């Protein structure tokens, strides 16, 4: 008889790799859309609004779950801020640097889980936190800066996106008994709402231009929205069939896809400092993913 469990695991892992591939390459269509006159905040708002409307049309009853669980509004807020930070940062900053700073998320999770879930960090989790922070300091320390501090808006967006990503995952665990369709609706709705609010605020400060998408950019926008829907479906399939630690480990392939695509398209600069600091961040995240179940509260989650 065929090994159905093994085959399911392979398909689930492949689905997670598809999700990581889509997110790892998402910086490129965002930049293309910006070239067609649509700022990444407007791109995010429009895409998530389309997905939100589709989800609502397919399962209108899921809205009742959102209304019945006020905490899901916080989930939508955190998820929306995550997308605002990440999608904007990869458009305006060095892609590899942004992705590495964003994946400080496992380190943030140690503190977030402590505050929101009452999960006291273990000695191992604190050591992983120190390792990841050391990697971030190395990445942030540039020859032009005497101190390892964020250099520009992209760094701040990436760091804040990683923090809200950690909060998102903590809230998903906190509200794990809520209907999954309601969680998805809250997250996509939050993404559309927060991106729109951020775009409008940016327009008022003359930071974000008004949306002026050229006709040639419409297929790119639709294709990206379809890709994100596919990635989310792949994530739901894979994460439901693999352990949290395995899911977290496979998700790290996003860094590889982002780095390789950025190198091929000249959107990143690789230096020994970036390689060393990035290695510490990735090792800390991988260690968190491989930690025993009783010590994995700070591992990467499965929502973006």
C-alpha atoms as a PDB file:
ATOM      1  CA  UNK A   1       0.000   0.000   0.000  1.00  0.00           C
ATOM      2  CA  UNK A   2       1.281   3.508  -0.710  1.00  0.00           C
ATOM      3  CA  UNK A   3       2.520   5.649   2.161  1.00  0.00           C
ATOM      4  CA  UNK A   4      -0.355   8.115   2.192  1.00  0.00           C
ATOM      5  CA  UNK A   5       0.873   9.913   5.287  1.00  0.00           C
ATOM      6  CA  UNK A   6       4.294  10.434   3.757  1.00  0.00           C
ATOM      7  CA  UNK A   7       2.741  11.613   0.507  1.00  0.00           C
ATOM      8  CA  UNK A   8       0.504  14.059   2.349  1.00  0.00           C
ATOM      9  CA  UNK A   9       3.499  15.453   4.229  1.00  0.00           C
ATOM     10  CA  UNK A  10       5.377  15.990   0.977  1.00  0.00           C
ATOM     11  CA  UNK A  11       2.402  17.778  -0.583  1.00  0.00           C
ATOM     12  CA  UNK A  12       1.959  19.901   2.531  1.00  0.00           C
ATOM     13  CA  UNK A  13       5.628  20.893   2.535  1.00  0.00           C
ATOM     14  CA  UNK A  14       5.427  21.687  -1.177  1.00  0.00           C
ATOM     15  CA  UNK A  15       2.409  23.902  -0.508  1.00  0.00           C
ATOM     16  CA  UNK A  16       4.354  25.829   2.134  1.00  0.00           C
ATOM     17  CA  UNK A  17       7.260  26.269  -0.270  1.00  0.00           C
ATOM     18  CA  UNK A  18       4.818  27.709  -2.829  1.00  0.00           C
ATOM     19  CA  UNK A  19       3.623  30.205  -0.223  1.00  0.00           C
ATOM     20  CA  UNK A  20       7.204  31.141   0.657  1.00  0.00           C
ATOM     21  CA  UNK A  21       8.064  31.482  -3.041  1.00  0.00           C
ATOM     22  CA  UNK A  22       5.174  33.899  -3.618  1.00  0.00           C
ATOM     23  CA  UNK A  23       6.071  36.064  -0.645  1.00  0.00           C
ATOM     24  CA  UNK A  24       9.795  35.889  -1.370  1.00  0.00           C
ATOM     25  CA  UNK A  25       9.246  37.273  -4.883  1.00  0.00           C
ATOM     26  CA  UNK A  26       6.411  39.669  -3.997  1.00  0.00           C
ATOM     27  CA  UNK A  27       8.790  42.635  -3.808  1.00  0.00           C
ATOM     28  CA  UNK A  28       9.250  42.604  -7.581  1.00  0.00           C
ATOM     29  CA  UNK A  29       5.577  43.050  -8.682  1.00  0.00           C
ATOM     30  CA  UNK A  30       5.162  45.685  -5.968  1.00  0.00           C
ATOM     31  CA  UNK A  31       8.005  47.632  -7.551  1.00  0.00           C
ATOM     32  CA  UNK A  32       6.535  47.086 -11.004  1.00  0.00           C
ATOM     33  CA  UNK A  33       3.197  48.459  -9.807  1.00  0.00           C
ATOM     34  CA  UNK A  34       4.957  51.446  -8.282  1.00  0.00           C
ATOM     35  CA  UNK A  35       6.472  52.081 -11.696  1.00  0.00           C
ATOM     36  CA  UNK A  36       2.939  52.051 -13.122  1.00  0.00           C
ATOM     37  CA  UNK A  37       1.878  54.745 -10.671  1.00  0.00           C
ATOM     38  CA  UNK A  38       0.521  52.691  -7.758  1.00  0.00           C
ATOM     39  CA  UNK A  39       2.276  53.055  -4.413  1.00  0.00           C
ATOM     40  CA  UNK A  40       2.717  49.747  -2.498  1.00  0.00           C
ATOM     41  CA  UNK A  41       0.245  50.932   0.122  1.00  0.00           C
ATOM     42  CA  UNK A  42      -2.429  51.448  -2.527  1.00  0.00           C
ATOM     43  CA  UNK A  43      -1.496  48.109  -4.120  1.00  0.00           C
ATOM     44  CA  UNK A  44      -1.906  46.376  -0.767  1.00  0.00           C
ATOM     45  CA  UNK A  45      -5.213  48.130  -0.072  1.00  0.00           C
ATOM     46  CA  UNK A  46      -6.713  47.230  -3.450  1.00  0.00           C
ATOM     47  CA  UNK A  47      -5.541  43.614  -3.425  1.00  0.00           C
ATOM     48  CA  UNK A  48      -6.736  42.913   0.081  1.00  0.00           C
ATOM     49  CA  UNK A  49     -10.027  44.655  -0.585  1.00  0.00           C
ATOM     50  CA  UNK A  50     -10.602  42.380  -3.581  1.00  0.00           C
ATOM     51  CA  UNK A  51      -9.765  39.258  -1.568  1.00  0.00           C
ATOM     52  CA  UNK A  52     -11.907  40.472   1.350  1.00  0.00           C
ATOM     53  CA  UNK A  53     -14.883  41.000  -0.963  1.00  0.00           C
ATOM     54  CA  UNK A  54     -14.416  37.556  -2.512  1.00  0.00           C
ATOM     55  CA  UNK A  55     -14.214  35.854   0.886  1.00  0.00           C
ATOM     56  CA  UNK A  56     -17.323  37.697   2.002  1.00  0.00           C
ATOM     57  CA  UNK A  57     -19.171  36.621  -1.144  1.00  0.00           C
ATOM     58  CA  UNK A  58     -18.152  32.984  -0.708  1.00  0.00           C
ATOM     59  CA  UNK A  59     -18.905  32.822   3.005  1.00  0.00           C
ATOM     60  CA  UNK A  60     -20.943  35.753   4.218  1.00  0.00           C
ATOM     61  CA  UNK A  61     -21.705  33.965   7.503  1.00  0.00           C
ATOM     62  CA  UNK A  62     -18.034  34.269   8.463  1.00  0.00           C
ATOM     63  CA  UNK A  63     -18.712  37.935   9.168  1.00  0.00           C
ATOM     64  CA  UNK A  64     -20.849  36.836  12.117  1.00  0.00           C
ATOM     65  CA  UNK A  65     -17.795  35.160  13.588  1.00  0.00           C
ATOM     66  CA  UNK A  66     -15.883  38.426  13.421  1.00  0.00           C
ATOM     67  CA  UNK A  67     -18.706  40.288  15.151  1.00  0.00           C
ATOM     68  CA  UNK A  68     -18.980  37.576  17.809  1.00  0.00           C
ATOM     69  CA  UNK A  69     -15.229  37.714  18.555  1.00  0.00           C
ATOM     70  CA  UNK A  70     -14.165  41.329  19.238  1.00  0.00           C
ATOM     71  CA  UNK A  71     -10.599  40.118  19.671  1.00  0.00           C
ATOM     72  CA  UNK A  72     -10.458  39.399  15.932  1.00  0.00           C
ATOM     73  CA  UNK A  73     -10.509  43.151  15.356  1.00  0.00           C
ATOM     74  CA  UNK A  74      -7.146  43.284  17.112  1.00  0.00           C
ATOM     75  CA  UNK A  75      -5.990  40.413  14.905  1.00  0.00           C
ATOM     76  CA  UNK A  76      -7.021  42.370  11.818  1.00  0.00           C
ATOM     77  CA  UNK A  77      -5.210  45.462  13.086  1.00  0.00           C
ATOM     78  CA  UNK A  78      -1.964  43.596  13.762  1.00  0.00           C
ATOM     79  CA  UNK A  79      -2.118  41.676  10.479  1.00  0.00           C
ATOM     80  CA  UNK A  80      -2.853  44.863   8.555  1.00  0.00           C
ATOM     81  CA  UNK A  81       0.114  46.685  10.082  1.00  0.00           C
ATOM     82  CA  UNK A  82       2.319  43.697   9.265  1.00  0.00           C
ATOM     83  CA  UNK A  83       1.441  43.930   5.587  1.00  0.00           C
ATOM     84  CA  UNK A  84       1.833  47.707   5.542  1.00  0.00           C
ATOM     85  CA  UNK A  85       5.318  47.435   7.014  1.00  0.00           C
ATOM     86  CA  UNK A  86       6.570  44.514   4.927  1.00  0.00           C
ATOM     87  CA  UNK A  87       5.077  45.458   1.553  1.00  0.00           C
ATOM     88  CA  UNK A  88       6.243  49.061   1.789  1.00  0.00           C
ATOM     89  CA  UNK A  89       9.697  48.151   3.068  1.00  0.00           C
ATOM     90  CA  UNK A  90      10.556  45.644   0.309  1.00  0.00           C
ATOM     91  CA  UNK A  91       9.581  48.244  -2.280  1.00  0.00           C
ATOM     92  CA  UNK A  92      11.799  51.065  -1.054  1.00  0.00           C
ATOM     93  CA  UNK A  93      14.667  49.272   0.674  1.00  0.00           C
ATOM     94  CA  UNK A  94      17.369  46.687   0.060  1.00  0.00           C
ATOM     95  CA  UNK A  95      15.328  43.482  -0.252  1.00  0.00           C
ATOM     96  CA  UNK A  96      17.667  41.144   1.643  1.00  0.00           C
ATOM     97  CA  UNK A  97      18.241  43.628   4.446  1.00  0.00           C
ATOM     98  CA  UNK A  98      14.485  44.184   4.789  1.00  0.00           C
ATOM     99  CA  UNK A  99      13.644  40.459   4.844  1.00  0.00           C
ATOM    100  CA  UNK A 100      16.349  39.756   7.433  1.00  0.00           C
ATOM    101  CA  UNK A 101      15.165  42.549   9.712  1.00  0.00           C
ATOM    102  CA  UNK A 102      11.575  41.388   9.282  1.00  0.00           C
ATOM    103  CA  UNK A 103      12.555  37.860  10.343  1.00  0.00           C
ATOM    104  CA  UNK A 104      13.613  39.172  13.716  1.00  0.00           C
ATOM    105  CA  UNK A 105       9.992  38.195  14.390  1.00  0.00           C
ATOM    106  CA  UNK A 106      10.912  35.007  16.315  1.00  0.00           C
ATOM    107  CA  UNK A 107      12.900  37.170  18.726  1.00  0.00           C
ATOM    108  CA  UNK A 108       9.993  39.599  19.153  1.00  0.00           C
ATOM    109  CA  UNK A 109       7.751  36.594  19.810  1.00  0.00           C
ATOM    110  CA  UNK A 110       9.612  35.831  23.035  1.00  0.00           C
ATOM    111  CA  UNK A 111       8.557  39.178  24.493  1.00  0.00           C
ATOM    112  CA  UNK A 112       5.117  39.289  22.872  1.00  0.00           C
ATOM    113  CA  UNK A 113       4.145  35.805  24.089  1.00  0.00           C
ATOM    114  CA  UNK A 114       5.297  36.775  27.576  1.00  0.00           C
ATOM    115  CA  UNK A 115       3.150  39.921  27.626  1.00  0.00           C
ATOM    116  CA  UNK A 116       0.046  38.700  25.753  1.00  0.00           C
ATOM    117  CA  UNK A 117      -0.067  35.001  26.607  1.00  0.00           C
ATOM    118  CA  UNK A 118       1.761  34.834  29.928  1.00  0.00           C
ATOM    119  CA  UNK A 119       4.339  32.425  28.475  1.00  0.00           C
ATOM    120  CA  UNK A 120       7.527  33.017  30.441  1.00  0.00           C
ATOM    121  CA  UNK A 121      10.637  32.671  28.253  1.00  0.00           C
ATOM    122  CA  UNK A 122      12.965  29.777  28.888  1.00  0.00           C
ATOM    123  CA  UNK A 123      16.733  30.038  29.051  1.00  0.00           C
ATOM    124  CA  UNK A 124      16.951  28.627  25.515  1.00  0.00           C
ATOM    125  CA  UNK A 125      14.469  31.172  24.135  1.00  0.00           C
ATOM    126  CA  UNK A 126      16.395  34.025  25.773  1.00  0.00           C
ATOM    127  CA  UNK A 127      19.589  32.704  24.195  1.00  0.00           C
ATOM    128  CA  UNK A 128      17.895  32.620  20.795  1.00  0.00           C
ATOM    129  CA  UNK A 129      16.704  36.177  21.413  1.00  0.00           C
ATOM    130  CA  UNK A 130      20.270  37.272  22.160  1.00  0.00           C
ATOM    131  CA  UNK A 131      21.552  35.505  19.022  1.00  0.00           C
ATOM    132  CA  UNK A 132      18.953  37.159  16.809  1.00  0.00           C
ATOM    133  CA  UNK A 133      19.558  40.584  18.338  1.00  0.00           C
ATOM    134  CA  UNK A 134      23.297  40.195  17.770  1.00  0.00           C
ATOM    135  CA  UNK A 135      22.580  39.426  14.117  1.00  0.00           C
ATOM    136  CA  UNK A 136      20.373  42.502  13.804  1.00  0.00           C
ATOM    137  CA  UNK A 137      23.054  44.737  15.330  1.00  0.00           C
ATOM    138  CA  UNK A 138      25.563  43.416  12.801  1.00  0.00           C
ATOM    139  CA  UNK A 139      23.149  44.030   9.913  1.00  0.00           C
ATOM    140  CA  UNK A 140      22.339  47.552  11.121  1.00  0.00           C
ATOM    141  CA  UNK A 141      25.946  48.611  11.694  1.00  0.00           C
ATOM    142  CA  UNK A 142      27.058  50.234   8.442  1.00  0.00           C
ATOM    143  CA  UNK A 143      30.455  51.831   7.720  1.00  0.00           C
ATOM    144  CA  UNK A 144      28.730  55.219   7.589  1.00  0.00           C
ATOM    145  CA  UNK A 145      27.072  54.882  10.994  1.00  0.00           C
ATOM    146  CA  UNK A 146      28.919  54.856  14.352  1.00  0.00           C
ATOM    147  CA  UNK A 147      26.011  53.016  15.999  1.00  0.00           C
ATOM    148  CA  UNK A 148      23.944  49.979  14.911  1.00  0.00           C
ATOM    149  CA  UNK A 149      20.668  51.846  14.457  1.00  0.00           C
ATOM    150  CA  UNK A 150      18.026  51.675  11.685  1.00  0.00           C
ATOM    151  CA  UNK A 151      19.084  53.551   8.576  1.00  0.00           C
ATOM    152  CA  UNK A 152      16.027  55.107   6.991  1.00  0.00           C
ATOM    153  CA  UNK A 153      12.363  54.294   6.646  1.00  0.00           C
ATOM    154  CA  UNK A 154      12.791  50.806   5.148  1.00  0.00           C
ATOM    155  CA  UNK A 155      14.616  49.544   8.246  1.00  0.00           C
ATOM    156  CA  UNK A 156      11.967  50.939  10.588  1.00  0.00           C
ATOM    157  CA  UNK A 157       9.167  49.486   8.463  1.00  0.00           C
ATOM    158  CA  UNK A 158      10.805  46.053   8.401  1.00  0.00           C
ATOM    159  CA  UNK A 159      11.411  46.001  12.160  1.00  0.00           C
ATOM    160  CA  UNK A 160       7.905  47.205  12.987  1.00  0.00           C
ATOM    161  CA  UNK A 161       6.435  44.710  10.500  1.00  0.00           C
ATOM    162  CA  UNK A 162       8.274  41.875  12.235  1.00  0.00           C
ATOM    163  CA  UNK A 163       6.980  43.059  15.614  1.00  0.00           C
ATOM    164  CA  UNK A 164       3.357  43.187  14.452  1.00  0.00           C
ATOM    165  CA  UNK A 165       3.863  39.794  12.757  1.00  0.00           C
ATOM    166  CA  UNK A 166       4.819  38.375  16.155  1.00  0.00           C
ATOM    167  CA  UNK A 167       1.735  40.001  17.688  1.00  0.00           C
ATOM    168  CA  UNK A 168      -0.406  38.535  14.891  1.00  0.00           C
ATOM    169  CA  UNK A 169       0.825  35.017  15.605  1.00  0.00           C
ATOM    170  CA  UNK A 170       0.310  35.445  19.351  1.00  0.00           C
ATOM    171  CA  UNK A 171      -3.261  36.622  18.750  1.00  0.00           C
ATOM    172  CA  UNK A 172      -3.900  33.655  16.443  1.00  0.00           C
ATOM    173  CA  UNK A 173      -2.933  31.351  19.287  1.00  0.00           C
ATOM    174  CA  UNK A 174      -4.997  33.365  21.749  1.00  0.00           C
ATOM    175  CA  UNK A 175      -8.106  33.159  19.540  1.00  0.00           C
ATOM    176  CA  UNK A 176      -7.426  29.670  18.162  1.00  0.00           C
ATOM    177  CA  UNK A 177     -11.014  28.580  18.847  1.00  0.00           C
ATOM    178  CA  UNK A 178     -12.473  31.255  16.556  1.00  0.00           C
ATOM    179  CA  UNK A 179     -13.674  30.036  13.117  1.00  0.00           C
ATOM    180  CA  UNK A 180     -10.795  29.970  10.620  1.00  0.00           C
ATOM    181  CA  UNK A 181     -12.877  31.697   7.938  1.00  0.00           C
ATOM    182  CA  UNK A 182     -13.619  34.532  10.358  1.00  0.00           C
ATOM    183  CA  UNK A 183      -9.906  34.863  11.146  1.00  0.00           C
ATOM    184  CA  UNK A 184      -9.091  35.057   7.431  1.00  0.00           C
ATOM    185  CA  UNK A 185     -11.800  37.652   6.874  1.00  0.00           C
ATOM    186  CA  UNK A 186     -10.515  39.747   9.775  1.00  0.00           C
ATOM    187  CA  UNK A 187      -6.920  39.555   8.527  1.00  0.00           C
ATOM    188  CA  UNK A 188      -7.693  40.479   4.918  1.00  0.00           C
ATOM    189  CA  UNK A 189     -10.117  43.167   6.041  1.00  0.00           C
ATOM    190  CA  UNK A 190      -7.502  44.536   8.416  1.00  0.00           C
ATOM    191  CA  UNK A 191      -4.935  44.546   5.618  1.00  0.00           C
ATOM    192  CA  UNK A 192      -7.221  46.539   3.344  1.00  0.00           C
ATOM    193  CA  UNK A 193      -8.243  48.963   6.093  1.00  0.00           C
ATOM    194  CA  UNK A 194      -4.796  49.649   7.536  1.00  0.00           C
ATOM    195  CA  UNK A 195      -3.180  50.011   4.103  1.00  0.00           C
ATOM    196  CA  UNK A 196      -5.892  52.489   3.067  1.00  0.00           C
ATOM    197  CA  UNK A 197      -5.527  54.502   6.264  1.00  0.00           C
ATOM    198  CA  UNK A 198      -1.740  54.550   5.964  1.00  0.00           C
ATOM    199  CA  UNK A 199      -1.966  55.603   2.308  1.00  0.00           C
ATOM    200  CA  UNK A 200      -4.377  58.438   3.112  1.00  0.00           C
ATOM    201  CA  UNK A 201      -2.194  59.607   5.991  1.00  0.00           C
ATOM    202  CA  UNK A 202       0.835  59.471   3.716  1.00  0.00           C
ATOM    203  CA  UNK A 203      -0.991  61.523   1.104  1.00  0.00           C
ATOM    204  CA  UNK A 204      -1.825  64.183   3.684  1.00  0.00           C
ATOM    205  CA  UNK A 205       1.877  64.402   4.537  1.00  0.00           C
ATOM    206  CA  UNK A 206       2.873  64.314   0.840  1.00  0.00           C
ATOM    207  CA  UNK A 207       4.766  61.064   1.374  1.00  0.00           C
ATOM    208  CA  UNK A 208       2.458  58.820  -0.639  1.00  0.00           C
ATOM    209  CA  UNK A 209       1.217  59.946  -4.075  1.00  0.00           C
ATOM    210  CA  UNK A 210      -2.420  59.600  -5.073  1.00  0.00           C
ATOM    211  CA  UNK A 211      -3.236  56.341  -6.886  1.00  0.00           C
ATOM    212  CA  UNK A 212      -2.789  56.697 -10.634  1.00  0.00           C
ATOM    213  CA  UNK A 213      -2.507  53.156 -11.952  1.00  0.00           C
ATOM    214  CA  UNK A 214      -1.781  52.941 -15.656  1.00  0.00           C
ATOM    215  CA  UNK A 215      -3.810  50.475 -17.693  1.00  0.00           C
ATOM    216  CA  UNK A 216      -0.776  48.275 -18.247  1.00  0.00           C
ATOM    217  CA  UNK A 217      -0.497  47.759 -14.487  1.00  0.00           C
ATOM    218  CA  UNK A 218      -3.987  46.283 -14.038  1.00  0.00           C
ATOM    219  CA  UNK A 219      -2.989  42.722 -15.097  1.00  0.00           C
ATOM    220  CA  UNK A 220      -0.036  42.881 -12.688  1.00  0.00           C
ATOM    221  CA  UNK A 221      -2.330  43.913  -9.832  1.00  0.00           C
ATOM    222  CA  UNK A 222      -4.824  41.144 -10.598  1.00  0.00           C
ATOM    223  CA  UNK A 223      -2.067  38.554 -10.964  1.00  0.00           C
ATOM    224  CA  UNK A 224      -0.524  39.572  -7.647  1.00  0.00           C
ATOM    225  CA  UNK A 225      -3.899  39.370  -5.894  1.00  0.00           C
ATOM    226  CA  UNK A 226      -4.423  35.888  -7.378  1.00  0.00           C
ATOM    227  CA  UNK A 227      -0.920  34.888  -6.286  1.00  0.00           C
ATOM    228  CA  UNK A 228      -1.569  36.007  -2.716  1.00  0.00           C
ATOM    229  CA  UNK A 229      -4.854  34.086  -2.655  1.00  0.00           C
ATOM    230  CA  UNK A 230      -3.014  31.008  -3.933  1.00  0.00           C
ATOM    231  CA  UNK A 231      -0.293  31.487  -1.351  1.00  0.00           C
ATOM    232  CA  UNK A 232      -2.820  31.786   1.453  1.00  0.00           C
ATOM    233  CA  UNK A 233      -4.638  28.644   0.312  1.00  0.00           C
ATOM    234  CA  UNK A 234      -1.302  26.800   0.120  1.00  0.00           C
ATOM    235  CA  UNK A 235      -0.409  28.027   3.591  1.00  0.00           C
ATOM    236  CA  UNK A 236      -3.717  26.861   5.047  1.00  0.00           C
ATOM    237  CA  UNK A 237      -3.287  23.425   3.427  1.00  0.00           C
ATOM    238  CA  UNK A 238       0.312  22.963   4.519  1.00  0.00           C
ATOM    239  CA  UNK A 239       0.052  24.379   8.033  1.00  0.00           C
ATOM    240  CA  UNK A 240      -2.980  22.209   8.797  1.00  0.00           C
ATOM    241  CA  UNK A 241      -1.070  19.012   7.964  1.00  0.00           C
ATOM    242  CA  UNK A 242       2.372  19.655   9.429  1.00  0.00           C
ATOM    243  CA  UNK A 243       3.604  20.494  12.904  1.00  0.00           C
ATOM    244  CA  UNK A 244       4.096  24.130  13.841  1.00  0.00           C
ATOM    245  CA  UNK A 245       7.864  23.642  14.013  1.00  0.00           C
ATOM    246  CA  UNK A 246       8.033  22.088  10.538  1.00  0.00           C
ATOM    247  CA  UNK A 247       5.849  24.839   9.117  1.00  0.00           C
ATOM    248  CA  UNK A 248       8.075  27.489  10.663  1.00  0.00           C
ATOM    249  CA  UNK A 249      11.213  25.863   9.304  1.00  0.00           C
ATOM    250  CA  UNK A 250       9.866  25.593   5.750  1.00  0.00           C
ATOM    251  CA  UNK A 251       8.756  29.247   5.923  1.00  0.00           C
ATOM    252  CA  UNK A 252      12.396  30.290   6.220  1.00  0.00           C
ATOM    253  CA  UNK A 253      12.819  29.410   2.541  1.00  0.00           C
ATOM    254  CA  UNK A 254      11.207  32.798   1.902  1.00  0.00           C
ATOM    255  CA  UNK A 255      14.560  34.345   2.806  1.00  0.00           C
ATOM    256  CA  UNK A 256      16.281  32.199   0.178  1.00  0.00           C
ATOM    257  CA  UNK A 257      13.768  33.096  -2.536  1.00  0.00           C
ATOM    258  CA  UNK A 258      13.953  36.789  -1.687  1.00  0.00           C
ATOM    259  CA  UNK A 259      17.754  36.778  -1.586  1.00  0.00           C
ATOM    260  CA  UNK A 260      18.160  34.870  -4.851  1.00  0.00           C
ATOM    261  CA  UNK A 261      15.643  37.000  -6.756  1.00  0.00           C
ATOM    262  CA  UNK A 262      17.092  40.224  -5.356  1.00  0.00           C
ATOM    263  CA  UNK A 263      20.609  39.145  -6.349  1.00  0.00           C
ATOM    264  CA  UNK A 264      19.519  38.273  -9.891  1.00  0.00           C
ATOM    265  CA  UNK A 265      17.636  41.560 -10.351  1.00  0.00           C
ATOM    266  CA  UNK A 266      20.140  43.806  -8.581  1.00  0.00           C
ATOM    267  CA  UNK A 267      17.839  44.782  -5.710  1.00  0.00           C
ATOM    268  CA  UNK A 268      20.240  43.906  -2.896  1.00  0.00           C
ATOM    269  CA  UNK A 269      23.868  44.342  -1.905  1.00  0.00           C
ATOM    270  CA  UNK A 270      25.598  41.378  -0.315  1.00  0.00           C
ATOM    271  CA  UNK A 271      28.467  42.139   2.060  1.00  0.00           C
ATOM    272  CA  UNK A 272      30.262  39.979   4.649  1.00  0.00           C
ATOM    273  CA  UNK A 273      28.424  41.974   7.337  1.00  0.00           C
ATOM    274  CA  UNK A 274      25.017  41.154   5.843  1.00  0.00           C
ATOM    275  CA  UNK A 275      25.944  37.480   5.453  1.00  0.00           C
ATOM    276  CA  UNK A 276      27.216  37.198   9.048  1.00  0.00           C
ATOM    277  CA  UNK A 277      24.332  39.073  10.647  1.00  0.00           C
ATOM    278  CA  UNK A 278      21.777  37.335   8.452  1.00  0.00           C
ATOM    279  CA  UNK A 279      23.219  33.937   9.356  1.00  0.00           C
ATOM    280  CA  UNK A 280      22.721  34.629  13.066  1.00  0.00           C
ATOM    281  CA  UNK A 281      19.117  35.745  12.484  1.00  0.00           C
ATOM    282  CA  UNK A 282      18.320  32.684  10.355  1.00  0.00           C
ATOM    283  CA  UNK A 283      20.023  30.323  12.811  1.00  0.00           C
ATOM    284  CA  UNK A 284      18.018  31.785  15.689  1.00  0.00           C
ATOM    285  CA  UNK A 285      14.785  31.390  13.717  1.00  0.00           C
ATOM    286  CA  UNK A 286      15.671  27.823  12.683  1.00  0.00           C
ATOM    287  CA  UNK A 287      16.585  26.962  16.275  1.00  0.00           C
ATOM    288  CA  UNK A 288      13.218  28.276  17.416  1.00  0.00           C
ATOM    289  CA  UNK A 289      11.476  26.172  14.771  1.00  0.00           C
ATOM    290  CA  UNK A 290      13.340  23.022  15.788  1.00  0.00           C
ATOM    291  CA  UNK A 291      12.850  23.572  19.525  1.00  0.00           C
ATOM    292  CA  UNK A 292      10.822  20.996  21.486  1.00  0.00           C
ATOM    293  CA  UNK A 293       7.082  21.698  21.566  1.00  0.00           C
ATOM    294  CA  UNK A 294       7.292  22.847  25.165  1.00  0.00           C
ATOM    295  CA  UNK A 295       9.865  25.431  24.220  1.00  0.00           C
ATOM    296  CA  UNK A 296       8.580  26.612  20.827  1.00  0.00           C
ATOM    297  CA  UNK A 297       6.338  29.504  21.761  1.00  0.00           C
ATOM    298  CA  UNK A 298       8.747  31.894  20.158  1.00  0.00           C
ATOM    299  CA  UNK A 299       8.900  30.061  16.851  1.00  0.00           C
ATOM    300  CA  UNK A 300       7.777  31.672  13.622  1.00  0.00           C
ATOM    301  CA  UNK A 301       4.047  31.492  13.041  1.00  0.00           C
ATOM    302  CA  UNK A 302       2.078  30.811   9.943  1.00  0.00           C
ATOM    303  CA  UNK A 303       0.223  34.002   9.169  1.00  0.00           C
ATOM    304  CA  UNK A 304       1.127  37.088   7.270  1.00  0.00           C
END
